[in-house]
C-alpha atoms as a PDB file:
ATOM      1  CA  MET A   1      33.041 -64.118  -3.392  1.00  0.00           C
ATOM      2  CA  LYS A   2      36.459 -64.789  -4.153  1.00  0.00           C
ATOM      3  CA  ALA A   3      39.133 -62.420  -3.519  1.00  0.00           C
ATOM      4  CA  LEU A   4      42.958 -63.059  -4.750  1.00  0.00           C
ATOM      5  CA  MET A   5      45.817 -60.764  -3.270  1.00  0.00           C
ATOM      6  CA  LEU A   6      47.059 -58.514  -5.404  1.00  0.00           C
ATOM      7  CA  THR A   7      51.004 -58.257  -5.426  1.00  0.00           C
ATOM      8  CA  ASP A   8      52.342 -56.074  -8.347  1.00  0.00           C
ATOM      9  CA  LEU A   9      50.347 -53.514 -10.100  1.00  0.00           C
ATOM     10  CA  ARG A  10      52.840 -53.373 -13.288  1.00  0.00           C
ATOM     11  CA  HIS A  11      50.749 -56.977 -14.064  1.00  0.00           C
ATOM     12  CA  ALA A  12      47.457 -58.038 -15.143  1.00  0.00           C
ATOM     13  CA  GLY A  13      46.072 -59.993 -12.548  1.00  0.00           C
ATOM     14  CA  HIS A  14      43.896 -63.286 -12.915  1.00  0.00           C
ATOM     15  CA  LEU A  15      40.091 -64.194 -11.644  1.00  0.00           C
ATOM     16  CA  GLU A  16      39.464 -67.666 -11.141  1.00  0.00           C
ATOM     17  CA  GLN A  17      35.872 -68.946 -11.351  1.00  0.00           C
ATOM     18  CA  GLY A  18      33.293 -67.146  -8.879  1.00  0.00           C
ATOM     19  CA  THR A  19      30.582 -64.459  -8.462  1.00  0.00           C
ATOM     20  CA  TYR A  20      31.326 -61.106  -8.956  1.00  0.00           C
ATOM     21  CA  ARG A  21      29.189 -57.890  -8.172  1.00  0.00           C
ATOM     22  CA  LYS A  22      29.379 -55.737 -11.271  1.00  0.00           C
ATOM     23  CA  GLY A  23      31.261 -52.117 -10.578  1.00  0.00           C
ATOM     24  CA  GLU A  24      32.836 -53.065  -7.504  1.00  0.00           C
ATOM     25  CA  VAL A  25      37.380 -53.248  -7.061  1.00  0.00           C
ATOM     26  CA  TYR A  26      38.483 -56.938  -6.540  1.00  0.00           C
ATOM     27  CA  GLU A  27      42.267 -58.090  -5.907  1.00  0.00           C
ATOM     28  CA  CYS A  28      43.863 -61.043  -7.534  1.00  0.00           C
ATOM     29  CA  SER A  29      47.124 -62.344  -7.966  1.00  0.00           C
ATOM     30  CA  PRO A  30      49.496 -61.526 -10.918  1.00  0.00           C
ATOM     31  CA  ALA A  31      49.491 -63.294 -14.228  1.00  0.00           C
ATOM     32  CA  THR A  32      52.724 -64.065 -14.938  1.00  0.00           C
ATOM     33  CA  ASN A  33      51.395 -65.115 -18.351  1.00  0.00           C
ATOM     34  CA  ASN A  34      47.886 -65.714 -20.599  1.00  0.00           C
ATOM     35  CA  PRO A  35      46.491 -68.430 -19.751  1.00  0.00           C
ATOM     36  CA  GLU A  36      43.630 -69.450 -22.220  1.00  0.00           C
ATOM     37  CA  GLY A  37      39.881 -68.598 -21.275  1.00  0.00           C
ATOM     38  CA  GLY A  38      41.076 -66.866 -18.315  1.00  0.00           C
ATOM     39  CA  LEU A  39      39.545 -63.481 -16.719  1.00  0.00           C
ATOM     40  CA  PHE A  40      41.696 -60.898 -16.233  1.00  0.00           C
ATOM     41  CA  LEU A  41      41.611 -57.551 -13.608  1.00  0.00           C
ATOM     42  CA  GLU A  42      43.427 -54.459 -15.341  1.00  0.00           C
ATOM     43  CA  PRO A  43      44.995 -51.955 -13.572  1.00  0.00           C
ATOM     44  CA  THR A  44      43.898 -48.350 -13.791  1.00  0.00           C
ATOM     45  CA  ALA A  45      45.363 -44.794 -12.829  1.00  0.00           C
ATOM     46  CA  GLN A  46      42.957 -43.591 -10.496  1.00  0.00           C
ATOM     47  CA  MET A  47      43.027 -46.960  -8.787  1.00  0.00           C
ATOM     48  CA  ARG A  48      45.530 -46.857  -5.524  1.00  0.00           C
ATOM     49  CA  ARG A  49      48.199 -49.517  -5.014  1.00  0.00           C
ATOM     50  CA  HIS A  50      46.709 -53.249  -4.049  1.00  0.00           C
ATOM     51  CA  THR A  51      43.596 -52.045  -6.050  1.00  0.00           C
ATOM     52  CA  CYS A  52      42.099 -52.565  -9.811  1.00  0.00           C
ATOM     53  CA  GLU A  53      39.075 -52.529 -11.622  1.00  0.00           C
ATOM     54  CA  LEU A  54      37.104 -55.078 -13.313  1.00  0.00           C
ATOM     55  CA  HIS A  55      36.832 -54.367 -17.349  1.00  0.00           C
ATOM     56  CA  VAL A  56      36.060 -57.957 -18.535  1.00  0.00           C
ATOM     57  CA  PRO A  57      32.931 -57.753 -20.638  1.00  0.00           C
ATOM     58  CA  GLU A  58      29.970 -59.635 -19.144  1.00  0.00           C
ATOM     59  CA  LYS A  59      29.160 -61.479 -22.348  1.00  0.00           C
ATOM     60  CA  GLU A  60      33.015 -62.906 -21.690  1.00  0.00           C
ATOM     61  CA  LEU A  61      32.230 -63.781 -18.339  1.00  0.00           C
ATOM     62  CA  ALA A  62      28.997 -66.362 -18.719  1.00  0.00           C
ATOM     63  CA  GLU A  63      30.338 -68.709 -19.121  1.00  0.00           C
ATOM     64  CA  THR A  64      33.061 -68.836 -16.713  1.00  0.00           C
ATOM     65  CA  CYS A  65      32.006 -66.947 -13.525  1.00  0.00           C
ATOM     66  CA  LYS A  66      28.634 -64.817 -12.116  1.00  0.00           C
ATOM     67  CA  VAL A  67      28.201 -60.945 -12.174  1.00  0.00           C
ATOM     68  CA  ILE A  68      25.940 -59.878  -9.176  1.00  0.00           C
ATOM     69  CA  HIS A  69      24.296 -56.555 -10.073  1.00  0.00           C
ATOM     70  CA  THR A  70      24.021 -54.610  -6.756  1.00  0.00           C
ATOM     71  CA  LEU A  71      20.337 -52.635  -6.541  1.00  0.00           C
ATOM     72  CA  GLU A  72      20.796 -50.379  -3.550  1.00  0.00           C
ATOM     73  CA  VAL A  73      17.688 -48.599  -2.103  1.00  0.00           C
ATOM     74  CA  THR A  74      17.619 -45.815   0.527  1.00  0.00           C
ATOM     75  CA  LEU A  75      14.586 -45.060   2.541  1.00  0.00           C
ATOM     76  CA  ALA A  76      14.898 -41.699   4.148  1.00  0.00           C
ATOM     77  CA  TYR A  77      12.422 -39.386   6.212  1.00  0.00           C
ATOM     78  CA  ASP A  78      12.275 -35.945   4.646  1.00  0.00           C
ATOM     79  CA  GLN A  79      12.620 -33.651   6.781  1.00  0.00           C
ATOM     80  CA  ASP A  80      11.986 -30.684   4.364  1.00  0.00           C
ATOM     81  CA  THR A  81       8.791 -31.355   3.045  1.00  0.00           C
ATOM     82  CA  GLU A  82       6.170 -28.453   2.871  1.00  0.00           C
ATOM     83  CA  CYS A  83       3.178 -28.430   5.091  1.00  0.00           C
ATOM     84  CA  PRO A  84       0.296 -29.899   2.914  1.00  0.00           C
ATOM     85  CA  ILE A  85      -2.485 -27.765   3.896  1.00  0.00           C
ATOM     86  CA  GLY A  86      -2.232 -24.463   1.735  1.00  0.00           C
ATOM     87  CA  MET A  87       0.255 -25.878  -0.992  1.00  0.00           C
ATOM     88  CA  SER A  88      -2.147 -25.411  -3.687  1.00  0.00           C
ATOM     89  CA  GLY A  89      -1.576 -21.426  -3.094  1.00  0.00           C
ATOM     90  CA  ASP A  90      -5.273 -20.741  -1.891  1.00  0.00           C
ATOM     91  CA  LYS A  91      -4.705 -18.658   1.277  1.00  0.00           C
ATOM     92  CA  LYS A  92      -8.373 -19.329   2.561  1.00  0.00           C
ATOM     93  CA  GLU A  93      -7.343 -22.823   3.011  1.00  0.00           C
ATOM     94  CA  ARG A  94      -6.129 -23.105   6.888  1.00  0.00           C
ATOM     95  CA  ILE A  95      -6.085 -24.830   9.913  1.00  0.00           C
ATOM     96  CA  VAL A  96      -6.620 -23.409  13.214  1.00  0.00           C
ATOM     97  CA  SER A  97      -5.049 -24.934  16.486  1.00  0.00           C
ATOM     98  CA  PHE A  98      -6.855 -23.365  19.512  1.00  0.00           C
ATOM     99  CA  ASN A  99      -3.412 -25.022  21.598  1.00  0.00           C
ATOM    100  CA  ARG A 100      -1.030 -22.050  22.170  1.00  0.00           C
ATOM    101  CA  ARG A 101       1.855 -25.011  22.016  1.00  0.00           C
ATOM    102  CA  HIS A 102       0.810 -25.067  17.706  1.00  0.00           C
ATOM    103  CA  VAL A 103       2.751 -23.381  15.214  1.00  0.00           C
ATOM    104  CA  ASN A 104      -0.857 -22.850  13.942  1.00  0.00           C
ATOM    105  CA  PHE A 105      -2.404 -21.614  16.844  1.00  0.00           C
ATOM    106  CA  GLY A 106      -5.421 -19.168  17.017  1.00  0.00           C
ATOM    107  CA  SER A 107      -7.513 -16.918  19.519  1.00  0.00           C
ATOM    108  CA  TYR A 108     -10.971 -18.449  20.303  1.00  0.00           C
ATOM    109  CA  ASP A 109     -11.975 -14.985  19.848  1.00  0.00           C
ATOM    110  CA  GLU A 110     -11.920 -14.946  16.171  1.00  0.00           C
ATOM    111  CA  PHE A 111     -14.575 -17.370  15.445  1.00  0.00           C
ATOM    112  CA  PHE A 112     -16.446 -17.142  18.588  1.00  0.00           C
ATOM    113  CA  ASP A 113     -18.416 -14.334  20.680  1.00  0.00           C
ATOM    114  CA  ALA A 114     -18.482 -14.961  24.652  1.00  0.00           C
ATOM    115  CA  VAL A 115     -22.257 -14.897  25.477  1.00  0.00           C
ATOM    116  CA  TYR A 116     -23.642 -14.900  29.354  1.00  0.00           C
ATOM    117  CA  ASP A 117     -25.881 -17.406  29.744  1.00  0.00           C
ATOM    118  CA  GLU A 118     -28.131 -16.366  32.713  1.00  0.00           C
ATOM    119  CA  ASN A 119     -29.936 -19.527  33.183  1.00  0.00           C
ATOM    120  CA  GLU A 120     -26.556 -21.337  33.839  1.00  0.00           C
ATOM    121  CA  GLY A 121     -24.923 -18.506  35.176  1.00  0.00           C
ATOM    122  CA  ARG A 122     -21.794 -18.692  32.723  1.00  0.00           C
ATOM    123  CA  TYR A 123     -20.421 -17.492  29.787  1.00  0.00           C
ATOM    124  CA  LYS A 124     -21.069 -19.933  26.421  1.00  0.00           C
ATOM    125  CA  HIS A 125     -18.664 -19.707  23.201  1.00  0.00           C
ATOM    126  CA  ILE A 126     -21.197 -18.937  20.159  1.00  0.00           C
ATOM    127  CA  PRO A 127     -19.587 -19.691  16.760  1.00  0.00           C
ATOM    128  CA  LYS A 128     -19.398 -16.049  15.321  1.00  0.00           C
ATOM    129  CA  LEU A 129     -21.946 -15.595  11.955  1.00  0.00           C
ATOM    130  CA  GLY A 130     -19.435 -16.306   9.511  1.00  0.00           C
ATOM    131  CA  LEU A 131     -18.415 -19.491  11.681  1.00  0.00           C
ATOM    132  CA  ARG A 132     -21.802 -20.520  11.310  1.00  0.00           C
ATOM    133  CA  ASN A 133     -22.380 -19.852   7.375  1.00  0.00           C
ATOM    134  CA  MET A 134     -19.375 -22.127   6.548  1.00  0.00           C
ATOM    135  CA  LEU A 135     -20.328 -25.089   9.256  1.00  0.00           C
ATOM    136  CA  LYS A 136     -23.802 -24.828   7.690  1.00  0.00           C
ATOM    137  CA  ALA A 137     -22.068 -24.747   4.014  1.00  0.00           C
ATOM    138  CA  GLY A 138     -19.174 -27.282   5.124  1.00  0.00           C
ATOM    139  CA  THR A 139     -16.365 -25.176   3.886  1.00  0.00           C
ATOM    140  CA  ALA A 140     -15.362 -25.586   7.201  1.00  0.00           C
ATOM    141  CA  PHE A 141     -15.392 -27.971   9.918  1.00  0.00           C
ATOM    142  CA  MET A 142     -14.621 -28.143  13.536  1.00  0.00           C
ATOM    143  CA  LEU A 143     -11.647 -30.229  14.459  1.00  0.00           C
ATOM    144  CA  ALA A 144     -11.210 -32.534  17.496  1.00  0.00           C
ATOM    145  CA  TYR A 145      -6.997 -33.552  18.256  1.00  0.00           C
ATOM    146  CA  TYR A 146      -5.958 -36.639  20.078  1.00  0.00           C
ATOM    147  CA  GLU A 147      -2.255 -36.899  20.815  1.00  0.00           C
ATOM    148  CA  HIS A 148      -0.959 -39.871  22.767  1.00  0.00           C
ATOM    149  CA  GLY A 149       2.993 -39.774  21.421  1.00  0.00           C
ATOM    150  CA  LEU A 150       1.967 -38.975  18.178  1.00  0.00           C
ATOM    151  CA  CYS A 151      -0.783 -36.958  17.346  1.00  0.00           C
ATOM    152  CA  ARG A 152      -4.555 -37.473  15.457  1.00  0.00           C
ATOM    153  CA  TRP A 153      -6.647 -34.608  13.577  1.00  0.00           C
ATOM    154  CA  SER A 154      -9.887 -35.479  12.911  1.00  0.00           C
ATOM    155  CA  LEU A 155     -13.286 -33.910  12.263  1.00  0.00           C
ATOM    156  CA  SER A 156     -15.302 -33.077  15.722  1.00  0.00           C
ATOM    157  CA  GLY A 157     -16.544 -36.268  16.803  1.00  0.00           C
ATOM    158  CA  GLU A 158     -14.792 -38.710  15.046  1.00  0.00           C
ATOM    159  CA  GLY A 159     -11.212 -40.147  15.306  1.00  0.00           C
ATOM    160  CA  PRO A 160     -10.109 -41.486  18.694  1.00  0.00           C
ATOM    161  CA  GLN A 161     -12.073 -40.805  22.254  1.00  0.00           C
ATOM    162  CA  CYS A 162     -10.084 -39.764  25.106  1.00  0.00           C
ATOM    163  CA  GLN A 163     -10.826 -38.493  28.356  1.00  0.00           C
ATOM    164  CA  TRP A 164      -7.684 -37.751  29.219  1.00  0.00           C
ATOM    165  CA  ASP A 165      -5.933 -37.045  25.320  1.00  0.00           C
ATOM    166  CA  SER A 166      -9.081 -36.075  23.121  1.00  0.00           C
ATOM    167  CA  VAL A 167     -10.316 -32.233  22.807  1.00  0.00           C
ATOM    168  CA  GLN A 168     -13.575 -32.332  20.651  1.00  0.00           C
ATOM    169  CA  CYS A 169     -13.019 -28.490  20.100  1.00  0.00           C
ATOM    170  CA  ALA A 170      -9.594 -28.168  19.247  1.00  0.00           C
ATOM    171  CA  GLY A 171      -9.762 -26.071  16.600  1.00  0.00           C
ATOM    172  CA  VAL A 172     -11.399 -24.871  12.996  1.00  0.00           C
ATOM    173  CA  TYR A 173     -10.328 -26.039   8.915  1.00  0.00           C
ATOM    174  CA  ILE A 174     -11.273 -23.767   6.608  1.00  0.00           C
ATOM    175  CA  LEU A 175     -11.018 -25.032   3.567  1.00  0.00           C
ATOM    176  CA  PRO A 176      -9.538 -24.201   0.004  1.00  0.00           C
ATOM    177  CA  SER A 177     -11.833 -22.190  -2.527  1.00  0.00           C
ATOM    178  CA  ASP A 178     -12.613 -25.008  -5.117  1.00  0.00           C
ATOM    179  CA  ALA A 179     -13.391 -27.914  -2.414  1.00  0.00           C
ATOM    180  CA  GLY A 180     -16.520 -29.436  -2.801  1.00  0.00           C
ATOM    181  CA  ASN A 181     -16.529 -28.167  -7.149  1.00  0.00           C
ATOM    182  CA  PHE A 182     -18.165 -31.543  -7.621  1.00  0.00           C
ATOM    183  CA  LYS A 183     -20.330 -33.113  -9.964  1.00  0.00           C
ATOM    184  CA  ALA A 184     -24.292 -31.081 -10.011  1.00  0.00           C
ATOM    185  CA  HIS A 185     -25.159 -34.689  -8.597  1.00  0.00           C
ATOM    186  CA  ASP A 186     -22.678 -34.981  -5.673  1.00  0.00           C
ATOM    187  CA  THR A 187     -24.549 -33.698  -1.988  1.00  0.00           C
ATOM    188  CA  LYS A 188     -21.824 -30.801  -2.191  1.00  0.00           C
ATOM    189  CA  TYR A 189     -21.500 -31.208   1.609  1.00  0.00           C
ATOM    190  CA  ALA A 190     -20.864 -34.614   2.144  1.00  0.00           C
ATOM    191  CA  ALA A 191     -18.217 -34.196  -0.737  1.00  0.00           C
ATOM    192  CA  ARG A 192     -16.486 -31.334   1.463  1.00  0.00           C
ATOM    193  CA  GLU A 193     -16.863 -33.219   4.444  1.00  0.00           C
ATOM    194  CA  ALA A 194     -14.554 -36.445   2.385  1.00  0.00           C
ATOM    195  CA  TYR A 195     -12.348 -34.303   1.334  1.00  0.00           C
ATOM    196  CA  ALA A 196     -12.192 -32.739   4.858  1.00  0.00           C
ATOM    197  CA  ARG A 197     -11.718 -36.485   5.950  1.00  0.00           C
ATOM    198  CA  SER A 198      -8.544 -36.748   3.347  1.00  0.00           C
ATOM    199  CA  ALA A 199      -6.721 -33.578   3.934  1.00  0.00           C
ATOM    200  CA  LEU A 200      -6.706 -34.276   7.928  1.00  0.00           C
ATOM    201  CA  ASP A 201      -5.508 -37.335   7.290  1.00  0.00           C
ATOM    202  CA  GLU A 202      -2.345 -35.863   5.008  1.00  0.00           C
ATOM    203  CA  TYR A 203      -1.507 -33.255   7.540  1.00  0.00           C
ATOM    204  CA  THR A 204      -1.414 -35.790  10.362  1.00  0.00           C
ATOM    205  CA  ASP A 205       0.944 -37.250   8.289  1.00  0.00           C
ATOM    206  CA  TRP A 206       2.850 -34.293   8.446  1.00  0.00           C
ATOM    207  CA  CYS A 207       3.042 -33.341  11.301  1.00  0.00           C
ATOM    208  CA  ASN A 208       4.194 -36.946  13.184  1.00  0.00           C
ATOM    209  CA  GLY A 209       6.509 -36.883  10.632  1.00  0.00           C
ATOM    210  CA  THR A 210       5.860 -39.428   8.120  1.00  0.00           C
ATOM    211  CA  CYS A 211       7.577 -38.024   5.177  1.00  0.00           C
ATOM    212  CA  PHE A 212       9.257 -40.246   2.883  1.00  0.00           C
ATOM    213  CA  TYR A 213      12.599 -39.644   0.518  1.00  0.00           C
ATOM    214  CA  TYR A 214      13.822 -42.746  -1.702  1.00  0.00           C
ATOM    215  CA  SER A 215      16.682 -43.023  -4.406  1.00  0.00           C
ATOM    216  CA  VAL A 216      17.665 -46.352  -6.183  1.00  0.00           C
ATOM    217  CA  GLU A 217      20.529 -46.959  -7.705  1.00  0.00           C
ATOM    218  CA  LEU A 218      21.884 -49.770  -9.910  1.00  0.00           C
ATOM    219  CA  ASP A 219      25.925 -50.892  -9.807  1.00  0.00           C
ATOM    220  CA  GLY A 220      26.210 -47.166  -8.373  1.00  0.00           C
ATOM    221  CA  GLU A 221      24.889 -45.061 -10.695  1.00  0.00           C
ATOM    222  CA  ASP A 222      21.482 -43.356 -10.301  1.00  0.00           C
ATOM    223  CA  VAL A 223      17.866 -44.882 -11.463  1.00  0.00           C
ATOM    224  CA  GLU A 224      15.508 -42.806  -9.670  1.00  0.00           C
ATOM    225  CA  SER A 225      15.284 -40.738  -6.356  1.00  0.00           C
ATOM    226  CA  CYS A 226      12.412 -38.423  -5.256  1.00  0.00           C
ATOM    227  CA  GLY A 227      11.339 -36.939  -2.063  1.00  0.00           C
ATOM    228  CA  GLY A 228       8.644 -35.037   0.069  1.00  0.00           C
ATOM    229  CA  TYR A 229       5.880 -38.100  -0.307  1.00  0.00           C
ATOM    230  CA  ILE A 230       3.418 -37.702   3.172  1.00  0.00           C
ATOM    231  CA  GLY A 231       2.395 -40.765   3.862  1.00  0.00           C
ATOM    232  CA  ASP A 232       4.026 -44.714   3.421  1.00  0.00           C
ATOM    233  CA  ASP A 233       1.223 -46.125   1.027  1.00  0.00           C
ATOM    234  CA  TYR A 234       1.973 -43.845  -2.094  1.00  0.00           C
ATOM    235  CA  PHE A 235       4.702 -43.335  -1.128  1.00  0.00           C
ATOM    236  CA  PHE A 236       5.879 -47.395  -1.307  1.00  0.00           C
ATOM    237  CA  GLU A 237       4.118 -47.880  -4.513  1.00  0.00           C
ATOM    238  CA  GLU A 238       6.509 -45.240  -6.232  1.00  0.00           C
ATOM    239  CA  VAL A 239       9.490 -47.510  -4.738  1.00  0.00           C
ATOM    240  CA  ALA A 240       8.063 -50.744  -5.913  1.00  0.00           C
ATOM    241  CA  GLY A 241       7.392 -49.413  -9.044  1.00  0.00           C
ATOM    242  CA  THR A 242      10.414 -48.113  -9.810  1.00  0.00           C
ATOM    243  CA  MET A 243      12.165 -51.486  -8.651  1.00  0.00           C
ATOM    244  CA  LYS A 244       9.994 -53.458 -10.852  1.00  0.00           C
ATOM    245  CA  ASP A 245      11.250 -51.110 -13.524  1.00  0.00           C
ATOM    246  CA  VAL A 246      14.933 -52.668 -13.039  1.00  0.00           C
ATOM    247  CA  PHE A 247      14.027 -55.466 -12.475  1.00  0.00           C
ATOM    248  CA  GLU A 248      11.624 -55.694 -15.850  1.00  0.00           C
ATOM    249  CA  LYS A 249      14.783 -54.284 -17.914  1.00  0.00           C
ATOM    250  CA  HIS A 250      17.039 -57.015 -17.128  1.00  0.00           C
ATOM    251  CA  PRO A 251      15.272 -60.581 -16.056  1.00  0.00           C
ATOM    252  CA  ASP A 252      18.082 -62.067 -16.593  1.00  0.00           C
ATOM    253  CA  TRP A 253      20.088 -60.312 -14.516  1.00  0.00           C
ATOM    254  CA  ILE A 254      21.294 -61.505 -10.875  1.00  0.00           C
ATOM    255  CA  TYR A 255      20.731 -59.004  -8.128  1.00  0.00           C
ATOM    256  CA  GLU A 256      21.870 -58.351  -4.564  1.00  0.00           C
ATOM    257  CA  VAL A 257      19.263 -55.723  -3.172  1.00  0.00           C
ATOM    258  CA  THR A 258      19.721 -53.943  -0.249  1.00  0.00           C
ATOM    259  CA  PHE A 259      18.283 -51.214   1.906  1.00  0.00           C
ATOM    260  CA  LYS A 260      19.314 -48.793   3.831  1.00  0.00           C
ATOM    261  CA  GLY A 261      18.220 -45.492   5.660  1.00  0.00           C
ATOM    262  CA  ASP A 262      16.407 -44.080   8.565  1.00  0.00           C
ATOM    263  CA  ALA A 263      12.548 -45.587   7.508  1.00  0.00           C
ATOM    264  CA  LYS A 264      14.237 -48.873   5.512  1.00  0.00           C
ATOM    265  CA  ASP A 265      12.157 -50.706   8.355  1.00  0.00           C
ATOM    266  CA  TYR A 266       9.040 -49.380   7.066  1.00  0.00           C
ATOM    267  CA  ARG A 267       9.236 -51.819   3.973  1.00  0.00           C
ATOM    268  CA  ASN A 268       8.071 -54.707   6.655  1.00  0.00           C
ATOM    269  CA  TYR A 269       4.758 -53.318   5.767  1.00  0.00           C
ATOM    270  CA  HIS A 270       4.305 -53.298   2.406  1.00  0.00           C
ATOM    271  CA  THR A 271       5.245 -55.575  -0.446  1.00  0.00           C
ATOM    272  CA  LEU A 272       7.915 -54.949  -2.607  1.00  0.00           C
ATOM    273  CA  PRO A 273       8.844 -56.885  -5.874  1.00  0.00           C
ATOM    274  CA  SER A 274      11.947 -59.788  -6.107  1.00  0.00           C
ATOM    275  CA  PRO A 275      14.135 -59.739  -9.066  1.00  0.00           C
ATOM    276  CA  GLU A 276      13.805 -63.245 -10.696  1.00  0.00           C
ATOM    277  CA  HIS A 277      17.585 -64.699  -9.372  1.00  0.00           C
ATOM    278  CA  GLU A 278      18.578 -63.254  -6.468  1.00  0.00           C
ATOM    279  CA  PHE A 279      22.078 -63.380  -5.008  1.00  0.00           C
ATOM    280  CA  ASP A 280      22.090 -65.363  -1.752  1.00  0.00           C
ATOM    281  CA  GLU A 281      25.523 -65.337   0.126  1.00  0.00           C
ATOM    282  CA  ASP A 282      24.781 -69.154   0.956  1.00  0.00           C
ATOM    283  CA  ASP A 283      24.085 -70.587  -2.021  1.00  0.00           C
ATOM    284  CA  THR A 284      26.833 -69.459  -4.832  1.00  0.00           C
ATOM    285  CA  GLU A 285      27.795 -72.723  -5.939  1.00  0.00           C
ATOM    286  CA  ALA A 286      23.809 -72.936  -7.199  1.00  0.00           C
ATOM    287  CA  LEU A 287      24.367 -69.748  -8.277  1.00  0.00           C
ATOM    288  CA  LEU A 288      27.754 -71.034 -10.598  1.00  0.00           C
ATOM    289  CA  THR A 289      25.737 -73.869 -12.096  1.00  0.00           C
ATOM    290  CA  ALA A 290      22.413 -72.280 -12.650  1.00  0.00           C
END
């Protein structure tokens, strides 16, 4: 990048051949005359001393220098994402945990009766009639829970198996009323079981804070922003789609793409599009002759 010192705002400044980012402010030396083919920086009333703004139309820049368009992508965790369980408004849907440390704690007594087994000489917890009917129909499922740093909710008998970190009777998932409303030839129990697995995957991501927000800015102006994404797969599909739309709209532009935000490292596990012409600080001369 070329940056020339501005010494007097009373005069227009002169830009030499180089690469310049659109929307940024550049310093330059005062122009004592009006050289043919020169590019100029015009001072603006809003700018402070020793700065001025690029006002040259991009078409006029084409023969002398390349304009670099900055695409800034923010990838951040979204702490305001709502719990996915019950978001449909169905009050029947809920996950009950038997762990007193969880906000959705519920007592065993709500779902189980304590029955004394004379043969074994101890009490056993037997599902109450309502829960037994729901488990049989697939409108409720017993849950397993694993925690070692992060947590994992799954159907009982599935998920990580560890004698220290896993519990096979950790809670109950009661499905929403419309879960399993599938075609007649589908097996309702199997369909509801698949629904429960998918819902637990999403709930696990939410519990672990894997919730995201993104924004895309082109030359300092907002292109798109959205939050409330749970899980990173669909989130990065949306980010990639927005970036692709920008690149396809102006395929001949030279872009400098930067990422910021506390979740920016997640991009290393996903594929994001790249522009056809990308700015490289170490390859400025190649850009000038392109």
